[in-house]
Amino acid sequence: MTTDANAWEEQLIADLRANGGRPSQGPLAGNPLLLLYTTGAKSGMRRRSILTYSTEGDSYFVAGSNNGKPTNPAWFSNVSADASVTIEVAGKEVPATATVLTGAERDQAWDRHVAQLPRFADYPAQVTGRTIPMVRLTPSADAA
């Protein structure tokens, strides 16, 4: 990752934190974003991803769309290897459990995700050869 990309990401996170979880400027302005902290499946290092999310009840849902690329994002490998994650939503960091959804549960979560975030509707046509994974992030009960 280049220094410019790092600087852009840090600016986005600062804007996100200053505006209750929805950045005020740039291409992601107004989108609900969370920070997902995982443990690298290969490195064992703490990794951070900025993700758009949808909600249902107390759970957050993220799609492994990888911006329409033909491969799953790195964070998906991490949550597949270790479901214990941390999320930061609206300035609050909490431990959570990541659950990779399958079958009808995945399909229902995808439909809700697209209903809340219509721009995701175009991704399936871009990602040939894979189904976009859906992951439920459930905050720990003691984090409430």
N, C-alpha and C. Protein backbone atom coordinates (compact mmCIF):
# COMPACT_ATOMS: atom_id res chain seq x y z
N MET A 1 0.85 -1.18 0.00
CA MET A 1 0.00 0.00 0.00
C MET A 1 0.89 1.24 0.00
N THR A 2 0.57 2.19 -0.82
CA THR A 2 1.39 3.38 -0.92
C THR A 2 1.13 4.33 0.23
N THR A 3 2.04 5.26 0.40
CA THR A 3 1.88 6.28 1.43
C THR A 3 0.61 7.08 1.18
N ASP A 4 0.34 7.41 -0.11
CA ASP A 4 -0.88 8.15 -0.43
C ASP A 4 -2.13 7.38 -0.02
N ALA A 5 -2.13 6.06 -0.26
CA ALA A 5 -3.27 5.24 0.14
C ALA A 5 -3.39 5.21 1.66
N ASN A 6 -2.27 5.11 2.36
CA ASN A 6 -2.31 5.14 3.82
C ASN A 6 -2.86 6.46 4.33
N ALA A 7 -2.42 7.55 3.73
CA ALA A 7 -2.88 8.88 4.14
C ALA A 7 -4.38 9.02 3.88
N TRP A 8 -4.83 8.54 2.71
CA TRP A 8 -6.26 8.61 2.39
C TRP A 8 -7.07 7.81 3.40
N GLU A 9 -6.59 6.61 3.74
CA GLU A 9 -7.30 5.76 4.69
C GLU A 9 -7.36 6.43 6.07
N GLU A 10 -6.27 7.01 6.51
CA GLU A 10 -6.25 7.68 7.81
C GLU A 10 -7.20 8.88 7.82
N GLN A 11 -7.25 9.63 6.72
CA GLN A 11 -8.19 10.76 6.62
C GLN A 11 -9.63 10.27 6.65
N LEU A 12 -9.90 9.17 5.95
CA LEU A 12 -11.24 8.60 5.95
C LEU A 12 -11.65 8.17 7.36
N ILE A 13 -10.75 7.52 8.07
CA ILE A 13 -11.06 7.06 9.42
C ILE A 13 -11.29 8.25 10.35
N ALA A 14 -10.49 9.29 10.22
CA ALA A 14 -10.69 10.48 11.05
C ALA A 14 -12.05 11.11 10.76
N ASP A 15 -12.41 11.20 9.48
CA ASP A 15 -13.71 11.75 9.09
C ASP A 15 -14.83 10.86 9.60
N LEU A 16 -14.66 9.57 9.48
CA LEU A 16 -15.63 8.60 9.97
C LEU A 16 -15.87 8.78 11.46
N ARG A 17 -14.80 8.86 12.22
CA ARG A 17 -14.92 9.01 13.67
C ARG A 17 -15.53 10.35 14.06
N ALA A 18 -15.23 11.38 13.30
CA ALA A 18 -15.75 12.71 13.62
C ALA A 18 -17.23 12.86 13.28
N ASN A 19 -17.75 11.94 12.47
CA ASN A 19 -19.13 12.08 11.99
C ASN A 19 -20.01 10.88 12.31
N GLY A 20 -19.76 10.25 13.45
CA GLY A 20 -20.64 9.19 13.94
C GLY A 20 -20.73 7.96 13.07
N GLY A 21 -19.67 7.64 12.33
CA GLY A 21 -19.67 6.43 11.53
C GLY A 21 -20.07 6.61 10.08
N ARG A 22 -20.31 7.85 9.66
CA ARG A 22 -20.64 8.12 8.26
C ARG A 22 -19.76 9.27 7.79
N PRO A 23 -18.80 8.98 6.93
CA PRO A 23 -17.91 10.05 6.48
C PRO A 23 -18.68 11.16 5.78
N SER A 24 -18.15 12.38 5.88
CA SER A 24 -18.85 13.55 5.34
C SER A 24 -18.35 13.95 3.96
N GLN A 25 -17.26 13.35 3.49
CA GLN A 25 -16.71 13.77 2.19
C GLN A 25 -16.11 12.59 1.45
N GLY A 26 -15.81 12.80 0.20
CA GLY A 26 -15.19 11.76 -0.61
C GLY A 26 -16.19 10.78 -1.18
N PRO A 27 -15.70 9.73 -1.85
CA PRO A 27 -16.58 8.79 -2.54
C PRO A 27 -17.46 7.96 -1.61
N LEU A 28 -17.11 7.88 -0.33
CA LEU A 28 -17.90 7.10 0.62
C LEU A 28 -18.78 7.97 1.52
N ALA A 29 -18.88 9.25 1.20
CA ALA A 29 -19.66 10.18 2.02
C ALA A 29 -21.08 9.65 2.23
N GLY A 30 -21.51 9.66 3.49
CA GLY A 30 -22.86 9.25 3.84
C GLY A 30 -23.07 7.76 4.02
N ASN A 31 -22.10 6.95 3.62
CA ASN A 31 -22.23 5.50 3.76
C ASN A 31 -21.95 5.07 5.19
N PRO A 32 -22.69 4.09 5.71
CA PRO A 32 -22.37 3.56 7.04
C PRO A 32 -21.11 2.70 6.94
N LEU A 33 -20.09 3.07 7.68
CA LEU A 33 -18.83 2.34 7.65
C LEU A 33 -18.46 1.87 9.04
N LEU A 34 -17.81 0.72 9.09
CA LEU A 34 -17.25 0.24 10.34
C LEU A 34 -15.81 -0.17 10.10
N LEU A 35 -15.07 -0.25 11.19
CA LEU A 35 -13.72 -0.78 11.13
C LEU A 35 -13.77 -2.20 11.67
N LEU A 36 -13.23 -3.12 10.90
CA LEU A 36 -13.17 -4.51 11.29
C LEU A 36 -11.71 -4.85 11.58
N TYR A 37 -11.45 -5.30 12.80
CA TYR A 37 -10.11 -5.72 13.19
C TYR A 37 -10.10 -7.24 13.28
N THR A 38 -9.21 -7.84 12.51
CA THR A 38 -9.08 -9.29 12.46
C THR A 38 -7.64 -9.68 12.77
N THR A 39 -7.43 -10.97 12.93
CA THR A 39 -6.08 -11.51 13.05
C THR A 39 -5.73 -12.13 11.71
N GLY A 40 -4.61 -11.72 11.14
CA GLY A 40 -4.20 -12.25 9.84
C GLY A 40 -4.08 -13.76 9.85
N ALA A 41 -4.74 -14.43 8.89
CA ALA A 41 -4.74 -15.89 8.83
C ALA A 41 -3.34 -16.44 8.64
N LYS A 42 -2.50 -15.75 7.91
CA LYS A 42 -1.13 -16.21 7.66
C LYS A 42 -0.13 -15.53 8.59
N SER A 43 -0.29 -14.24 8.79
CA SER A 43 0.71 -13.47 9.54
C SER A 43 0.52 -13.50 11.05
N GLY A 44 -0.74 -13.67 11.48
CA GLY A 44 -1.03 -13.58 12.91
C GLY A 44 -1.05 -12.14 13.41
N MET A 45 -0.86 -11.18 12.51
CA MET A 45 -0.84 -9.76 12.86
C MET A 45 -2.26 -9.20 12.87
N ARG A 46 -2.46 -8.14 13.66
CA ARG A 46 -3.76 -7.47 13.68
C ARG A 46 -3.93 -6.70 12.38
N ARG A 47 -5.09 -6.89 11.75
CA ARG A 47 -5.39 -6.24 10.47
C ARG A 47 -6.66 -5.41 10.61
N ARG A 48 -6.71 -4.32 9.85
CA ARG A 48 -7.86 -3.41 9.90
C ARG A 48 -8.44 -3.28 8.50
N SER A 49 -9.76 -3.35 8.42
CA SER A 49 -10.47 -3.16 7.15
C SER A 49 -11.59 -2.16 7.38
N ILE A 50 -11.81 -1.30 6.41
CA ILE A 50 -12.92 -0.34 6.44
C ILE A 50 -14.01 -0.92 5.55
N LEU A 51 -15.18 -1.17 6.14
CA LEU A 51 -16.24 -1.85 5.40
C LEU A 51 -17.58 -1.14 5.52
N THR A 52 -18.33 -1.16 4.44
CA THR A 52 -19.72 -0.72 4.46
C THR A 52 -20.54 -1.84 5.07
N TYR A 53 -21.54 -1.49 5.85
CA TYR A 53 -22.33 -2.53 6.51
C TYR A 53 -23.82 -2.24 6.43
N SER A 54 -24.58 -3.30 6.63
CA SER A 54 -26.03 -3.20 6.82
C SER A 54 -26.31 -3.77 8.21
N THR A 55 -27.52 -3.59 8.68
CA THR A 55 -27.85 -4.05 10.03
C THR A 55 -29.16 -4.82 10.04
N GLU A 56 -29.27 -5.66 11.05
CA GLU A 56 -30.54 -6.28 11.42
C GLU A 56 -30.42 -6.58 12.89
N GLY A 57 -31.34 -6.04 13.67
CA GLY A 57 -31.26 -6.20 15.12
C GLY A 57 -29.94 -5.62 15.62
N ASP A 58 -29.24 -6.38 16.46
CA ASP A 58 -27.98 -5.92 17.02
C ASP A 58 -26.77 -6.34 16.18
N SER A 59 -27.02 -7.01 15.06
CA SER A 59 -25.94 -7.53 14.23
C SER A 59 -25.63 -6.62 13.06
N TYR A 60 -24.38 -6.68 12.63
CA TYR A 60 -23.90 -5.95 11.46
C TYR A 60 -23.57 -6.99 10.39
N PHE A 61 -23.83 -6.64 9.13
CA PHE A 61 -23.58 -7.56 8.03
C PHE A 61 -22.65 -6.89 7.03
N VAL A 62 -21.62 -7.62 6.63
CA VAL A 62 -20.67 -7.12 5.64
C VAL A 62 -20.58 -8.12 4.50
N ALA A 63 -20.36 -7.59 3.31
CA ALA A 63 -20.28 -8.41 2.11
C ALA A 63 -18.83 -8.48 1.64
N GLY A 64 -18.39 -9.65 1.27
CA GLY A 64 -17.04 -9.82 0.74
C GLY A 64 -17.00 -9.54 -0.74
N SER A 65 -17.48 -8.38 -1.15
CA SER A 65 -17.58 -8.03 -2.57
C SER A 65 -16.22 -7.70 -3.17
N ASN A 66 -15.30 -7.22 -2.34
CA ASN A 66 -13.95 -6.86 -2.79
C ASN A 66 -14.02 -5.91 -3.98
N ASN A 67 -14.94 -4.96 -3.91
CA ASN A 67 -15.14 -3.96 -4.96
C ASN A 67 -15.36 -4.58 -6.34
N GLY A 68 -16.01 -5.74 -6.37
CA GLY A 68 -16.32 -6.38 -7.63
C GLY A 68 -15.19 -7.21 -8.22
N LYS A 69 -14.13 -7.41 -7.48
CA LYS A 69 -13.00 -8.21 -7.98
C LYS A 69 -13.36 -9.70 -7.95
N PRO A 70 -12.66 -10.52 -8.75
CA PRO A 70 -13.01 -11.95 -8.83
C PRO A 70 -12.55 -12.79 -7.64
N THR A 71 -11.86 -12.21 -6.68
CA THR A 71 -11.40 -12.96 -5.51
C THR A 71 -11.99 -12.38 -4.23
N ASN A 72 -12.07 -13.20 -3.21
CA ASN A 72 -12.54 -12.72 -1.91
C ASN A 72 -11.50 -11.77 -1.31
N PRO A 73 -11.95 -10.82 -0.50
CA PRO A 73 -11.01 -9.92 0.16
C PRO A 73 -10.21 -10.64 1.24
N ALA A 74 -9.04 -10.11 1.57
CA ALA A 74 -8.17 -10.73 2.58
C ALA A 74 -8.87 -10.85 3.92
N TRP A 75 -9.68 -9.87 4.30
CA TRP A 75 -10.34 -9.93 5.61
C TRP A 75 -11.24 -11.16 5.71
N PHE A 76 -11.77 -11.64 4.57
CA PHE A 76 -12.65 -12.80 4.60
C PHE A 76 -11.86 -14.06 5.01
N SER A 77 -10.66 -14.21 4.50
CA SER A 77 -9.80 -15.33 4.93
C SER A 77 -9.52 -15.24 6.42
N ASN A 78 -9.32 -14.05 6.90
CA ASN A 78 -9.03 -13.86 8.32
C ASN A 78 -10.20 -14.27 9.20
N VAL A 79 -11.42 -13.83 8.87
CA VAL A 79 -12.58 -14.20 9.70
C VAL A 79 -12.94 -15.67 9.54
N SER A 80 -12.61 -16.24 8.39
CA SER A 80 -12.84 -17.68 8.19
C SER A 80 -11.93 -18.51 9.08
N ALA A 81 -10.72 -17.99 9.33
CA ALA A 81 -9.74 -18.70 10.15
C ALA A 81 -9.93 -18.44 11.64
N ASP A 82 -10.44 -17.25 11.99
CA ASP A 82 -10.60 -16.87 13.39
C ASP A 82 -11.81 -15.95 13.51
N ALA A 83 -12.89 -16.46 14.08
CA ALA A 83 -14.15 -15.72 14.17
C ALA A 83 -14.14 -14.62 15.24
N SER A 84 -13.13 -14.60 16.09
CA SER A 84 -13.05 -13.56 17.13
C SER A 84 -12.48 -12.29 16.51
N VAL A 85 -13.31 -11.27 16.45
CA VAL A 85 -12.92 -10.01 15.82
C VAL A 85 -13.26 -8.85 16.75
N THR A 86 -12.85 -7.67 16.36
CA THR A 86 -13.26 -6.44 17.02
C THR A 86 -13.82 -5.53 15.95
N ILE A 87 -14.91 -4.86 16.28
CA ILE A 87 -15.47 -3.89 15.36
C ILE A 87 -15.53 -2.53 16.03
N GLU A 88 -15.37 -1.51 15.22
CA GLU A 88 -15.55 -0.14 15.69
C GLU A 88 -16.68 0.46 14.87
N VAL A 89 -17.76 0.78 15.57
CA VAL A 89 -18.94 1.36 14.92
C VAL A 89 -19.30 2.63 15.67
N ALA A 90 -19.44 3.72 14.91
CA ALA A 90 -19.82 5.01 15.49
C ALA A 90 -18.92 5.38 16.68
N GLY A 91 -17.63 5.12 16.55
CA GLY A 91 -16.67 5.52 17.56
C GLY A 91 -16.53 4.58 18.75
N LYS A 92 -17.29 3.48 18.76
CA LYS A 92 -17.21 2.54 19.87
C LYS A 92 -16.61 1.23 19.37
N GLU A 93 -15.55 0.78 20.04
CA GLU A 93 -14.88 -0.46 19.69
C GLU A 93 -15.36 -1.57 20.62
N VAL A 94 -15.82 -2.68 20.02
CA VAL A 94 -16.35 -3.80 20.81
C VAL A 94 -15.90 -5.13 20.22
N PRO A 95 -15.71 -6.14 21.09
CA PRO A 95 -15.42 -7.48 20.58
C PRO A 95 -16.68 -8.05 19.93
N ALA A 96 -16.47 -8.89 18.92
CA ALA A 96 -17.60 -9.48 18.20
C ALA A 96 -17.20 -10.85 17.66
N THR A 97 -18.21 -11.57 17.20
CA THR A 97 -18.00 -12.86 16.56
C THR A 97 -18.44 -12.75 15.11
N ALA A 98 -17.59 -13.22 14.21
CA ALA A 98 -17.91 -13.22 12.78
C ALA A 98 -18.43 -14.59 12.40
N THR A 99 -19.58 -14.61 11.72
CA THR A 99 -20.17 -15.85 11.26
C THR A 99 -20.33 -15.77 9.74
N VAL A 100 -19.69 -16.69 9.03
CA VAL A 100 -19.84 -16.76 7.58
C VAL A 100 -21.17 -17.44 7.30
N LEU A 101 -22.03 -16.75 6.58
CA LEU A 101 -23.38 -17.27 6.31
C LEU A 101 -23.39 -18.11 5.04
N THR A 102 -24.22 -19.13 5.03
CA THR A 102 -24.33 -20.01 3.88
C THR A 102 -25.80 -20.24 3.52
N GLY A 103 -26.01 -20.77 2.32
CA GLY A 103 -27.36 -21.17 1.90
C GLY A 103 -28.37 -20.05 1.95
N ALA A 104 -29.58 -20.42 2.39
CA ALA A 104 -30.69 -19.47 2.43
C ALA A 104 -30.40 -18.30 3.37
N GLU A 105 -29.69 -18.56 4.46
CA GLU A 105 -29.35 -17.48 5.41
C GLU A 105 -28.46 -16.45 4.73
N ARG A 106 -27.50 -16.91 3.93
CA ARG A 106 -26.63 -16.00 3.19
C ARG A 106 -27.45 -15.20 2.17
N ASP A 107 -28.32 -15.89 1.45
CA ASP A 107 -29.13 -15.23 0.42
C ASP A 107 -30.05 -14.17 1.02
N GLN A 108 -30.66 -14.47 2.15
CA GLN A 108 -31.53 -13.49 2.81
C GLN A 108 -30.73 -12.29 3.29
N ALA A 109 -29.55 -12.54 3.84
CA ALA A 109 -28.69 -11.44 4.30
C ALA A 109 -28.25 -10.58 3.11
N TRP A 110 -27.94 -11.22 2.00
CA TRP A 110 -27.55 -10.47 0.80
C TRP A 110 -28.71 -9.58 0.34
N ASP A 111 -29.91 -10.12 0.29
CA ASP A 111 -31.07 -9.34 -0.14
C ASP A 111 -31.30 -8.14 0.78
N ARG A 112 -31.19 -8.33 2.09
CA ARG A 112 -31.34 -7.20 3.03
C ARG A 112 -30.22 -6.17 2.83
N HIS A 113 -29.01 -6.67 2.60
CA HIS A 113 -27.85 -5.80 2.39
C HIS A 113 -28.07 -4.90 1.17
N VAL A 114 -28.52 -5.51 0.08
CA VAL A 114 -28.77 -4.75 -1.15
C VAL A 114 -29.94 -3.78 -0.95
N ALA A 115 -30.94 -4.17 -0.19
CA ALA A 115 -32.07 -3.26 0.08
C ALA A 115 -31.59 -2.02 0.84
N GLN A 116 -30.64 -2.21 1.77
CA GLN A 116 -30.12 -1.07 2.55
C GLN A 116 -29.04 -0.30 1.79
N LEU A 117 -28.32 -1.00 0.91
CA LEU A 117 -27.20 -0.41 0.17
C LEU A 117 -27.32 -0.80 -1.31
N PRO A 118 -28.20 -0.13 -2.05
CA PRO A 118 -28.51 -0.54 -3.42
C PRO A 118 -27.31 -0.64 -4.37
N ARG A 119 -26.24 0.08 -4.10
CA ARG A 119 -25.09 0.02 -5.01
C ARG A 119 -24.46 -1.37 -5.06
N PHE A 120 -24.73 -2.21 -4.07
CA PHE A 120 -24.20 -3.57 -4.06
C PHE A 120 -24.89 -4.47 -5.08
N ALA A 121 -26.03 -4.06 -5.59
CA ALA A 121 -26.78 -4.89 -6.54
C ALA A 121 -25.97 -5.19 -7.80
N ASP A 122 -25.05 -4.33 -8.19
CA ASP A 122 -24.27 -4.51 -9.41
C ASP A 122 -23.10 -5.48 -9.25
N TYR A 123 -22.69 -5.76 -8.03
CA TYR A 123 -21.49 -6.57 -7.83
C TYR A 123 -21.59 -8.01 -8.34
N PRO A 124 -22.68 -8.73 -8.17
CA PRO A 124 -22.71 -10.12 -8.64
C PRO A 124 -22.38 -10.28 -10.13
N ALA A 125 -22.78 -9.33 -10.95
CA ALA A 125 -22.48 -9.41 -12.37
C ALA A 125 -20.98 -9.22 -12.65
N GLN A 126 -20.28 -8.56 -11.73
CA GLN A 126 -18.86 -8.29 -11.91
C GLN A 126 -17.98 -9.44 -11.43
N VAL A 127 -18.45 -10.20 -10.45
CA VAL A 127 -17.62 -11.24 -9.82
C VAL A 127 -17.98 -12.62 -10.37
N THR A 128 -17.50 -12.92 -11.53
CA THR A 128 -17.79 -14.23 -12.11
C THR A 128 -16.99 -15.31 -11.40
N GLY A 129 -17.62 -16.44 -11.21
CA GLY A 129 -16.93 -17.58 -10.63
C GLY A 129 -16.97 -17.68 -9.12
N ARG A 130 -17.62 -16.75 -8.45
CA ARG A 130 -17.73 -16.86 -7.00
C ARG A 130 -19.02 -16.20 -6.52
N THR A 131 -19.51 -16.70 -5.42
CA THR A 131 -20.64 -16.09 -4.74
C THR A 131 -20.07 -15.12 -3.72
N ILE A 132 -20.58 -13.92 -3.69
CA ILE A 132 -20.09 -12.93 -2.73
C ILE A 132 -20.47 -13.39 -1.32
N PRO A 133 -19.46 -13.58 -0.46
CA PRO A 133 -19.77 -14.04 0.89
C PRO A 133 -20.43 -12.94 1.73
N MET A 134 -21.28 -13.39 2.63
CA MET A 134 -21.90 -12.50 3.61
C MET A 134 -21.46 -12.96 5.00
N VAL A 135 -21.12 -11.99 5.83
CA VAL A 135 -20.65 -12.28 7.18
C VAL A 135 -21.46 -11.46 8.17
N ARG A 136 -21.97 -12.14 9.20
CA ARG A 136 -22.68 -11.48 10.30
C ARG A 136 -21.66 -11.20 11.40
N LEU A 137 -21.64 -9.97 11.88
CA LEU A 137 -20.77 -9.58 12.99
C LEU A 137 -21.67 -9.31 14.19
N THR A 138 -21.54 -10.18 15.20
CA THR A 138 -22.40 -10.09 16.38
C THR A 138 -21.58 -9.60 17.56
N PRO A 139 -21.88 -8.39 18.04
CA PRO A 139 -21.15 -7.90 19.22
C PRO A 139 -21.34 -8.84 20.41
N SER A 140 -20.30 -8.98 21.22
CA SER A 140 -20.37 -9.81 22.41
C SER A 140 -21.44 -9.27 23.34
N ALA A 141 -22.13 -10.16 24.02
CA ALA A 141 -23.22 -9.78 24.91
C ALA A 141 -22.75 -8.82 25.99
N ASP A 142 -21.53 -9.00 26.48
CA ASP A 142 -21.02 -8.13 27.54
C ASP A 142 -20.53 -6.78 27.01
N ALA A 143 -20.58 -6.58 25.69
CA ALA A 143 -20.12 -5.32 25.11
C ALA A 143 -21.23 -4.28 25.05
N ALA A 144 -22.45 -4.67 25.31
CA ALA A 144 -23.60 -3.76 25.17
C ALA A 144 -23.64 -2.71 26.21
